[in-house]
Amino acid sequence: MHEVPEDPQLQDLVPFVAGDKVFAVFADQVDGTAEAKVPVPLPNTPPAILGVICVRGRMLTVIDPIALLTGETFGWPASLPSVIALRSDEQLALAAQSCRDTITIAASDIQPATQTNDDGFESATLGITVHGGEEITVLRTDNLFAAAVRRRERRRRRL
């Protein structure tokens, strides 16, 4: 399990809703949000990778956090208003139904996730925090793409 930093300094998180869950990424890893355009599907990709989308001249791979962490397919409903564009080497975006105002928490409030499995949950999840009575899964943006690919490879080996 990845260790959560013990640094008590305050951190800014950008929470967003996908399916019935709330996720967050660190504000300094977010490049912005964009109105929804249906991603162009990619052949032979894991279910968590919805496809590619062009946002402000950047070609981004859109990840579905629900499919990545739980195996359930959140998909890309027609009413989906936004994607969360990330700053990362993989040029990623996250599928979101809504993006909320930035919140500030102490890094020490992010607790390791108790749920683990063999499908990438640990590598894609920094931990869990609670804000306003709501449980928020904090994602490790640097591991999202690799976790999606590993999940598919593990499934393939089991079959």
N, C-alpha and C. Protein backbone atom coordinates (compact mmCIF):
# COMPACT_ATOMS: atom_id res chain seq x y z
N MET A 1 0.85 -1.19 0.00
CA MET A 1 0.00 0.00 0.00
C MET A 1 0.88 1.23 0.00
N HIS A 2 0.54 2.23 -0.79
CA HIS A 2 1.28 3.49 -0.79
C HIS A 2 1.03 4.21 0.52
N GLU A 3 2.08 4.76 1.08
CA GLU A 3 1.92 5.48 2.33
C GLU A 3 1.44 6.90 2.05
N VAL A 4 0.53 7.36 2.87
CA VAL A 4 0.03 8.73 2.76
C VAL A 4 1.00 9.65 3.49
N PRO A 5 1.37 10.77 2.89
CA PRO A 5 2.31 11.67 3.57
C PRO A 5 1.76 12.11 4.92
N GLU A 6 2.65 12.18 5.92
CA GLU A 6 2.25 12.62 7.26
C GLU A 6 2.31 14.14 7.41
N ASP A 7 2.69 14.81 6.33
CA ASP A 7 2.83 16.26 6.36
C ASP A 7 1.50 16.92 6.74
N PRO A 8 1.47 17.69 7.83
CA PRO A 8 0.20 18.29 8.25
C PRO A 8 -0.16 19.55 7.46
N GLN A 9 0.67 19.93 6.49
CA GLN A 9 0.36 21.14 5.73
C GLN A 9 -0.97 21.00 5.00
N LEU A 10 -1.60 22.12 4.79
CA LEU A 10 -2.88 22.12 4.10
C LEU A 10 -2.69 21.86 2.61
N GLN A 11 -3.63 21.13 2.05
CA GLN A 11 -3.61 20.78 0.63
C GLN A 11 -4.95 21.18 0.02
N ASP A 12 -4.91 21.68 -1.21
CA ASP A 12 -6.13 22.00 -1.93
C ASP A 12 -6.51 20.80 -2.80
N LEU A 13 -7.77 20.38 -2.66
CA LEU A 13 -8.31 19.27 -3.44
C LEU A 13 -9.45 19.78 -4.31
N VAL A 14 -9.57 19.21 -5.50
CA VAL A 14 -10.71 19.49 -6.37
C VAL A 14 -11.59 18.24 -6.37
N PRO A 15 -12.73 18.29 -5.66
CA PRO A 15 -13.64 17.13 -5.65
C PRO A 15 -14.52 17.13 -6.90
N PHE A 16 -14.90 15.93 -7.33
CA PHE A 16 -15.84 15.80 -8.44
C PHE A 16 -16.67 14.55 -8.24
N VAL A 17 -17.83 14.54 -8.87
CA VAL A 17 -18.77 13.42 -8.74
C VAL A 17 -18.72 12.58 -10.01
N ALA A 18 -18.63 11.28 -9.83
CA ALA A 18 -18.74 10.32 -10.92
C ALA A 18 -19.61 9.18 -10.42
N GLY A 19 -20.69 8.92 -11.13
CA GLY A 19 -21.63 7.92 -10.64
C GLY A 19 -22.19 8.36 -9.30
N ASP A 20 -22.15 7.47 -8.31
CA ASP A 20 -22.65 7.83 -6.98
C ASP A 20 -21.51 8.06 -6.00
N LYS A 21 -20.30 8.29 -6.51
CA LYS A 21 -19.13 8.46 -5.66
C LYS A 21 -18.52 9.84 -5.85
N VAL A 22 -17.79 10.28 -4.81
CA VAL A 22 -17.08 11.55 -4.88
C VAL A 22 -15.59 11.25 -4.86
N PHE A 23 -14.89 11.81 -5.83
CA PHE A 23 -13.44 11.65 -5.95
C PHE A 23 -12.81 13.03 -5.82
N ALA A 24 -11.49 13.07 -5.68
CA ALA A 24 -10.78 14.34 -5.66
C ALA A 24 -9.37 14.13 -6.17
N VAL A 25 -8.83 15.19 -6.75
CA VAL A 25 -7.42 15.21 -7.13
C VAL A 25 -6.83 16.50 -6.58
N PHE A 26 -5.51 16.53 -6.41
CA PHE A 26 -4.87 17.73 -5.90
C PHE A 26 -5.01 18.86 -6.91
N ALA A 27 -5.31 20.05 -6.41
CA ALA A 27 -5.59 21.19 -7.28
C ALA A 27 -4.42 21.50 -8.20
N ASP A 28 -3.20 21.28 -7.73
CA ASP A 28 -2.05 21.60 -8.59
C ASP A 28 -1.85 20.58 -9.71
N GLN A 29 -2.68 19.51 -9.71
CA GLN A 29 -2.62 18.53 -10.80
C GLN A 29 -3.75 18.72 -11.81
N VAL A 30 -4.60 19.72 -11.57
CA VAL A 30 -5.75 19.95 -12.44
C VAL A 30 -5.45 21.10 -13.40
N ASP A 31 -5.69 20.84 -14.66
CA ASP A 31 -5.48 21.86 -15.69
C ASP A 31 -6.76 22.63 -15.95
N GLY A 32 -7.88 22.10 -15.48
CA GLY A 32 -9.16 22.77 -15.68
C GLY A 32 -10.25 21.78 -16.01
N THR A 33 -11.43 22.30 -16.27
CA THR A 33 -12.55 21.46 -16.68
C THR A 33 -12.99 21.90 -18.07
N ALA A 34 -13.67 21.02 -18.73
CA ALA A 34 -14.13 21.31 -20.09
C ALA A 34 -15.51 20.73 -20.28
N GLU A 35 -16.28 21.37 -21.15
CA GLU A 35 -17.60 20.82 -21.47
C GLU A 35 -17.44 19.46 -22.13
N ALA A 36 -18.45 18.64 -21.93
CA ALA A 36 -18.38 17.27 -22.42
C ALA A 36 -18.40 17.22 -23.94
N LYS A 37 -17.55 16.41 -24.46
CA LYS A 37 -17.61 15.94 -25.83
C LYS A 37 -17.43 14.44 -25.70
N VAL A 38 -18.18 13.67 -26.43
CA VAL A 38 -18.07 12.22 -26.29
C VAL A 38 -16.69 11.79 -26.76
N PRO A 39 -15.95 11.05 -25.94
CA PRO A 39 -14.61 10.62 -26.34
C PRO A 39 -14.66 9.69 -27.54
N VAL A 40 -13.64 9.77 -28.36
CA VAL A 40 -13.49 8.84 -29.48
C VAL A 40 -12.94 7.54 -28.90
N PRO A 41 -13.68 6.44 -29.02
CA PRO A 41 -13.21 5.18 -28.42
C PRO A 41 -11.89 4.72 -29.04
N LEU A 42 -11.10 4.05 -28.24
CA LEU A 42 -9.85 3.46 -28.72
C LEU A 42 -10.03 1.94 -28.77
N PRO A 43 -9.50 1.31 -29.79
CA PRO A 43 -9.67 -0.15 -29.88
C PRO A 43 -8.81 -0.85 -28.83
N ASN A 44 -9.31 -1.98 -28.34
CA ASN A 44 -8.55 -2.86 -27.44
C ASN A 44 -8.05 -2.18 -26.18
N THR A 45 -8.89 -1.34 -25.58
CA THR A 45 -8.49 -0.69 -24.33
C THR A 45 -9.36 -1.21 -23.19
N PRO A 46 -8.88 -1.07 -21.96
CA PRO A 46 -9.67 -1.49 -20.80
C PRO A 46 -10.96 -0.66 -20.69
N PRO A 47 -12.00 -1.19 -20.01
CA PRO A 47 -13.25 -0.44 -19.85
C PRO A 47 -13.07 0.90 -19.16
N ALA A 48 -12.05 1.05 -18.32
CA ALA A 48 -11.83 2.31 -17.62
C ALA A 48 -11.38 3.43 -18.55
N ILE A 49 -10.86 3.08 -19.72
CA ILE A 49 -10.42 4.09 -20.67
C ILE A 49 -11.55 4.32 -21.67
N LEU A 50 -12.21 5.48 -21.53
CA LEU A 50 -13.39 5.76 -22.36
C LEU A 50 -13.01 6.18 -23.78
N GLY A 51 -11.82 6.70 -23.96
CA GLY A 51 -11.39 7.14 -25.28
C GLY A 51 -10.56 8.40 -25.17
N VAL A 52 -10.41 9.08 -26.30
CA VAL A 52 -9.62 10.31 -26.32
C VAL A 52 -10.51 11.49 -26.66
N ILE A 53 -10.12 12.65 -26.17
CA ILE A 53 -10.90 13.86 -26.38
C ILE A 53 -9.91 15.02 -26.52
N CYS A 54 -10.24 16.00 -27.34
CA CYS A 54 -9.38 17.15 -27.51
C CYS A 54 -9.89 18.29 -26.63
N VAL A 55 -9.04 18.77 -25.73
CA VAL A 55 -9.38 19.89 -24.85
C VAL A 55 -8.29 20.95 -25.00
N ARG A 56 -8.68 22.10 -25.50
CA ARG A 56 -7.75 23.21 -25.68
C ARG A 56 -6.47 22.79 -26.39
N GLY A 57 -6.64 22.04 -27.46
CA GLY A 57 -5.50 21.64 -28.26
C GLY A 57 -4.70 20.46 -27.73
N ARG A 58 -5.10 19.92 -26.58
CA ARG A 58 -4.42 18.75 -26.01
C ARG A 58 -5.28 17.52 -26.24
N MET A 59 -4.67 16.45 -26.71
CA MET A 59 -5.39 15.19 -26.87
C MET A 59 -5.29 14.43 -25.55
N LEU A 60 -6.42 14.27 -24.86
CA LEU A 60 -6.45 13.65 -23.54
C LEU A 60 -7.11 12.29 -23.59
N THR A 61 -6.58 11.35 -22.82
CA THR A 61 -7.20 10.05 -22.62
C THR A 61 -8.14 10.17 -21.43
N VAL A 62 -9.42 9.86 -21.65
CA VAL A 62 -10.42 10.02 -20.59
C VAL A 62 -10.59 8.71 -19.83
N ILE A 63 -10.38 8.80 -18.50
CA ILE A 63 -10.48 7.64 -17.61
C ILE A 63 -11.79 7.71 -16.83
N ASP A 64 -12.48 6.59 -16.75
CA ASP A 64 -13.69 6.48 -15.93
C ASP A 64 -13.28 5.95 -14.55
N PRO A 65 -13.30 6.79 -13.51
CA PRO A 65 -12.81 6.33 -12.20
C PRO A 65 -13.62 5.21 -11.60
N ILE A 66 -14.92 5.16 -11.90
CA ILE A 66 -15.76 4.08 -11.37
C ILE A 66 -15.30 2.73 -11.94
N ALA A 67 -15.13 2.66 -13.24
CA ALA A 67 -14.69 1.41 -13.87
C ALA A 67 -13.30 1.02 -13.41
N LEU A 68 -12.45 2.00 -13.19
CA LEU A 68 -11.10 1.72 -12.75
C LEU A 68 -11.07 1.11 -11.35
N LEU A 69 -11.81 1.70 -10.42
CA LEU A 69 -11.70 1.29 -9.02
C LEU A 69 -12.66 0.19 -8.61
N THR A 70 -13.81 0.09 -9.27
CA THR A 70 -14.80 -0.89 -8.83
C THR A 70 -15.13 -1.94 -9.88
N GLY A 71 -14.76 -1.68 -11.12
CA GLY A 71 -15.11 -2.61 -12.18
C GLY A 71 -16.48 -2.34 -12.77
N GLU A 72 -17.28 -1.49 -12.11
CA GLU A 72 -18.59 -1.12 -12.65
C GLU A 72 -18.38 -0.09 -13.76
N THR A 73 -19.26 -0.09 -14.73
CA THR A 73 -19.13 0.86 -15.82
C THR A 73 -20.01 2.07 -15.58
N PHE A 74 -19.37 3.21 -15.41
CA PHE A 74 -20.09 4.48 -15.28
C PHE A 74 -20.46 4.98 -16.67
N GLY A 75 -19.55 4.80 -17.60
CA GLY A 75 -19.83 5.18 -18.98
C GLY A 75 -19.79 6.68 -19.20
N TRP A 76 -20.48 7.09 -20.23
CA TRP A 76 -20.43 8.49 -20.65
C TRP A 76 -21.85 8.93 -21.02
N PRO A 77 -22.70 9.16 -19.99
CA PRO A 77 -24.08 9.54 -20.30
C PRO A 77 -24.14 10.86 -21.06
N ALA A 78 -25.19 11.01 -21.86
CA ALA A 78 -25.34 12.19 -22.69
C ALA A 78 -25.39 13.48 -21.87
N SER A 79 -25.84 13.37 -20.62
CA SER A 79 -25.99 14.57 -19.79
C SER A 79 -24.69 14.98 -19.09
N LEU A 80 -23.62 14.21 -19.28
CA LEU A 80 -22.37 14.49 -18.59
C LEU A 80 -21.83 15.86 -18.98
N PRO A 81 -21.68 16.80 -18.02
CA PRO A 81 -21.34 18.16 -18.39
C PRO A 81 -19.86 18.46 -18.49
N SER A 82 -18.99 17.62 -17.92
CA SER A 82 -17.60 18.06 -17.89
C SER A 82 -16.62 16.90 -17.78
N VAL A 83 -15.39 17.19 -18.11
CA VAL A 83 -14.27 16.32 -17.80
C VAL A 83 -13.29 17.15 -16.98
N ILE A 84 -12.52 16.49 -16.15
CA ILE A 84 -11.48 17.15 -15.36
C ILE A 84 -10.17 16.92 -16.10
N ALA A 85 -9.64 17.95 -16.69
CA ALA A 85 -8.37 17.83 -17.42
C ALA A 85 -7.22 17.88 -16.42
N LEU A 86 -6.29 16.95 -16.55
CA LEU A 86 -5.19 16.83 -15.59
C LEU A 86 -3.87 17.27 -16.22
N ARG A 87 -2.99 17.73 -15.37
CA ARG A 87 -1.60 17.96 -15.78
C ARG A 87 -0.85 16.68 -15.49
N SER A 88 -0.46 15.97 -16.52
CA SER A 88 0.31 14.76 -16.29
C SER A 88 1.01 14.35 -17.56
N ASP A 89 2.02 13.51 -17.39
CA ASP A 89 2.76 13.03 -18.55
C ASP A 89 1.89 12.20 -19.47
N GLU A 90 0.86 11.56 -18.91
CA GLU A 90 0.00 10.70 -19.73
C GLU A 90 -1.07 11.49 -20.47
N GLN A 91 -1.18 12.80 -20.19
CA GLN A 91 -2.20 13.62 -20.85
C GLN A 91 -3.59 13.04 -20.60
N LEU A 92 -3.98 13.00 -19.33
CA LEU A 92 -5.22 12.36 -18.91
C LEU A 92 -6.32 13.36 -18.59
N ALA A 93 -7.55 12.87 -18.65
CA ALA A 93 -8.71 13.58 -18.12
C ALA A 93 -9.55 12.55 -17.39
N LEU A 94 -10.40 13.02 -16.47
CA LEU A 94 -11.28 12.14 -15.71
C LEU A 94 -12.73 12.44 -16.04
N ALA A 95 -13.53 11.40 -16.24
CA ALA A 95 -14.95 11.59 -16.50
C ALA A 95 -15.64 12.04 -15.22
N ALA A 96 -16.44 13.08 -15.31
CA ALA A 96 -17.12 13.62 -14.13
C ALA A 96 -18.51 14.08 -14.49
N GLN A 97 -19.44 13.94 -13.54
CA GLN A 97 -20.77 14.49 -13.72
C GLN A 97 -20.78 15.95 -13.31
N SER A 98 -20.03 16.26 -12.26
CA SER A 98 -19.95 17.65 -11.80
C SER A 98 -18.62 17.85 -11.10
N CYS A 99 -18.15 19.07 -11.13
CA CYS A 99 -16.91 19.44 -10.47
C CYS A 99 -17.26 20.45 -9.40
N ARG A 100 -16.74 20.26 -8.19
CA ARG A 100 -17.08 21.12 -7.07
C ARG A 100 -15.99 22.14 -6.80
N ASP A 101 -16.32 23.11 -5.95
CA ASP A 101 -15.32 24.11 -5.56
C ASP A 101 -14.17 23.43 -4.81
N THR A 102 -13.00 23.98 -4.96
CA THR A 102 -11.82 23.47 -4.28
C THR A 102 -12.03 23.48 -2.77
N ILE A 103 -11.59 22.42 -2.11
CA ILE A 103 -11.63 22.37 -0.65
C ILE A 103 -10.19 22.29 -0.14
N THR A 104 -9.96 22.72 1.07
CA THR A 104 -8.64 22.67 1.69
C THR A 104 -8.70 21.73 2.88
N ILE A 105 -7.78 20.77 2.89
CA ILE A 105 -7.72 19.80 3.99
C ILE A 105 -6.26 19.66 4.42
N ALA A 106 -6.05 19.10 5.60
CA ALA A 106 -4.70 18.75 6.04
C ALA A 106 -4.32 17.44 5.37
N ALA A 107 -3.11 17.36 4.88
CA ALA A 107 -2.65 16.13 4.23
C ALA A 107 -2.80 14.93 5.16
N SER A 108 -2.65 15.16 6.46
CA SER A 108 -2.77 14.06 7.43
C SER A 108 -4.20 13.54 7.53
N ASP A 109 -5.18 14.28 6.99
CA ASP A 109 -6.57 13.82 7.00
C ASP A 109 -6.85 12.77 5.93
N ILE A 110 -5.93 12.59 5.02
CA ILE A 110 -6.11 11.57 3.97
C ILE A 110 -5.62 10.25 4.54
N GLN A 111 -6.55 9.35 4.80
CA GLN A 111 -6.24 8.06 5.42
C GLN A 111 -6.10 6.98 4.36
N PRO A 112 -5.22 6.02 4.58
CA PRO A 112 -5.10 4.92 3.61
C PRO A 112 -6.44 4.24 3.40
N ALA A 113 -6.71 3.84 2.18
CA ALA A 113 -7.96 3.14 1.87
C ALA A 113 -7.92 1.75 2.47
N THR A 114 -9.02 1.33 3.06
CA THR A 114 -9.07 -0.02 3.65
C THR A 114 -9.46 -1.05 2.60
N GLN A 115 -10.14 -0.60 1.54
CA GLN A 115 -10.55 -1.53 0.49
C GLN A 115 -9.38 -1.76 -0.46
N THR A 116 -9.01 -3.02 -0.64
CA THR A 116 -7.96 -3.36 -1.59
C THR A 116 -8.41 -4.55 -2.42
N ASN A 117 -7.85 -4.65 -3.59
CA ASN A 117 -8.09 -5.81 -4.43
C ASN A 117 -6.93 -5.94 -5.41
N ASP A 118 -7.03 -6.88 -6.31
CA ASP A 118 -5.94 -7.11 -7.26
C ASP A 118 -6.12 -6.32 -8.54
N ASP A 119 -7.04 -5.38 -8.58
CA ASP A 119 -7.38 -4.74 -9.84
C ASP A 119 -6.93 -3.29 -9.96
N GLY A 120 -5.98 -2.86 -9.16
CA GLY A 120 -5.45 -1.53 -9.34
C GLY A 120 -5.93 -0.51 -8.34
N PHE A 121 -6.79 -0.90 -7.39
CA PHE A 121 -7.34 0.07 -6.44
C PHE A 121 -6.22 0.77 -5.67
N GLU A 122 -5.26 -0.01 -5.18
CA GLU A 122 -4.21 0.58 -4.37
C GLU A 122 -3.38 1.58 -5.15
N SER A 123 -2.98 1.22 -6.36
CA SER A 123 -2.07 2.07 -7.10
C SER A 123 -2.74 3.34 -7.62
N ALA A 124 -4.06 3.31 -7.76
CA ALA A 124 -4.76 4.49 -8.27
C ALA A 124 -5.32 5.36 -7.15
N THR A 125 -5.26 4.89 -5.90
CA THR A 125 -5.87 5.59 -4.78
C THR A 125 -4.82 6.02 -3.78
N LEU A 126 -4.76 7.32 -3.52
CA LEU A 126 -3.89 7.81 -2.46
C LEU A 126 -4.50 7.51 -1.10
N GLY A 127 -5.81 7.71 -0.97
CA GLY A 127 -6.48 7.44 0.29
C GLY A 127 -7.88 8.01 0.31
N ILE A 128 -8.46 8.03 1.50
CA ILE A 128 -9.84 8.49 1.70
C ILE A 128 -9.83 9.66 2.68
N THR A 129 -10.63 10.67 2.41
CA THR A 129 -10.82 11.75 3.38
C THR A 129 -12.32 11.99 3.53
N VAL A 130 -12.70 12.63 4.61
CA VAL A 130 -14.11 12.97 4.83
C VAL A 130 -14.20 14.47 4.96
N HIS A 131 -15.13 15.05 4.21
CA HIS A 131 -15.33 16.49 4.25
C HIS A 131 -16.83 16.77 4.20
N GLY A 132 -17.32 17.51 5.16
CA GLY A 132 -18.76 17.79 5.20
C GLY A 132 -19.59 16.54 5.31
N GLY A 133 -19.05 15.52 5.99
CA GLY A 133 -19.78 14.27 6.16
C GLY A 133 -19.75 13.37 4.95
N GLU A 134 -19.02 13.74 3.91
CA GLU A 134 -18.98 12.98 2.67
C GLU A 134 -17.62 12.31 2.52
N GLU A 135 -17.63 11.03 2.19
CA GLU A 135 -16.38 10.31 1.97
C GLU A 135 -15.87 10.60 0.57
N ILE A 136 -14.60 10.99 0.48
CA ILE A 136 -14.00 11.36 -0.80
C ILE A 136 -12.77 10.48 -1.04
N THR A 137 -12.72 9.84 -2.19
CA THR A 137 -11.56 9.04 -2.59
C THR A 137 -10.58 9.95 -3.31
N VAL A 138 -9.37 10.06 -2.78
CA VAL A 138 -8.35 10.92 -3.38
C VAL A 138 -7.51 10.07 -4.34
N LEU A 139 -7.45 10.48 -5.59
CA LEU A 139 -6.78 9.69 -6.62
C LEU A 139 -5.33 10.10 -6.81
N ARG A 140 -4.52 9.14 -7.17
CA ARG A 140 -3.13 9.38 -7.55
C ARG A 140 -3.10 9.54 -9.07
N THR A 141 -3.05 10.75 -9.55
CA THR A 141 -3.17 10.96 -10.99
C THR A 141 -2.02 10.35 -11.77
N ASP A 142 -0.85 10.25 -11.14
CA ASP A 142 0.30 9.70 -11.87
C ASP A 142 0.16 8.20 -12.13
N ASN A 143 -0.78 7.54 -11.46
CA ASN A 143 -0.93 6.09 -11.62
C ASN A 143 -2.22 5.67 -12.32
N LEU A 144 -3.04 6.61 -12.73
CA LEU A 144 -4.36 6.25 -13.26
C LEU A 144 -4.26 5.40 -14.53
N PHE A 145 -3.48 5.84 -15.49
CA PHE A 145 -3.40 5.13 -16.77
C PHE A 145 -2.81 3.74 -16.56
N ALA A 146 -1.72 3.67 -15.82
CA ALA A 146 -1.07 2.37 -15.58
C ALA A 146 -1.99 1.42 -14.83
N ALA A 147 -2.75 1.94 -13.88
CA ALA A 147 -3.68 1.09 -13.12
C ALA A 147 -4.77 0.54 -14.03
N ALA A 148 -5.27 1.35 -14.95
CA ALA A 148 -6.30 0.89 -15.87
C ALA A 148 -5.78 -0.24 -16.75
N VAL A 149 -4.56 -0.11 -17.21
CA VAL A 149 -3.97 -1.14 -18.07
C VAL A 149 -3.69 -2.40 -17.26
N ARG A 150 -3.17 -2.25 -16.03
CA ARG A 150 -2.89 -3.42 -15.19
C ARG A 150 -4.16 -4.19 -14.87
N ARG A 151 -5.25 -3.48 -14.64
CA ARG A 151 -6.52 -4.14 -14.32
C ARG A 151 -6.93 -5.07 -15.46
N ARG A 152 -6.79 -4.59 -16.69
CA ARG A 152 -7.16 -5.43 -17.84
C ARG A 152 -6.24 -6.64 -17.94
N GLU A 153 -4.94 -6.43 -17.72
CA GLU A 153 -4.00 -7.54 -17.82
C GLU A 153 -4.30 -8.60 -16.76
N ARG A 154 -4.65 -8.20 -15.55
CA ARG A 154 -4.98 -9.17 -14.50
C ARG A 154 -6.23 -9.97 -14.86
N ARG A 155 -7.23 -9.25 -15.41
CA ARG A 155 -8.44 -9.97 -15.83
C ARG A 155 -8.13 -10.99 -16.92
N ARG A 156 -7.29 -10.60 -17.84
CA ARG A 156 -6.94 -11.49 -18.96
C ARG A 156 -6.25 -12.75 -18.43
N ARG A 157 -5.38 -12.60 -17.44
CA ARG A 157 -4.67 -13.75 -16.88
C ARG A 157 -5.60 -14.70 -16.15
N ARG A 158 -6.67 -14.14 -15.54
CA ARG A 158 -7.62 -14.99 -14.80
C ARG A 158 -8.48 -15.83 -15.72
N LEU A 159 -8.68 -15.37 -16.95
CA LEU A 159 -9.57 -16.09 -17.87
C LEU A 159 -8.93 -17.32 -18.48
